[in-house]
Amino acid sequence: QVQLVESGGGLMQTGGSLRLSCAASGRTFSNSAMGWFRQAPGKEREFVAAIMWSGSVIQYADSVKGRFTLSRDNAKNTVYLQMNSLKPEDTAGYFCAARRGIFAPPSTRKYDYEYWGQGTQVTVSS
């Protein structure tokens, strides 16, 4: 059974940092692009960042560029989202996802992702 399990969320003050992890099991994702999305109450799920299977290409949403860093460790089947300079508008559930298609490039579209985790909550207080 394929599973993506996020961890590392929590409550943080404005300007603080958190590191989210997404551990995959059930199959290797070393040849799949991986992405992070977030969803605030009453809003659509939106793209945050995505990384090529090799780690050589990384895309970020404009709202997090320069503050968030996405990385992956294929040996551990895990991706990491380092979030710095957090803002209240970063408050959301954060979801990890695996891209559909082997060696497919990263995508900003949620419909291109086949597997999803259950999410981890990030709350940033002002």
Foldseek 3Di string as FASTA:
>chain_A
DKAWAKDWADEAAAQAKIKMKIFIDDDALLQWKKFKWWDDPPDDIFGAKIAFSPRPDIDGDPVQPPFWDWDDDRVRSMIMIIGGRDDQVVWTWMKMFTFPDGRDGDDRDPVRTDDIHPTDTHGYHD
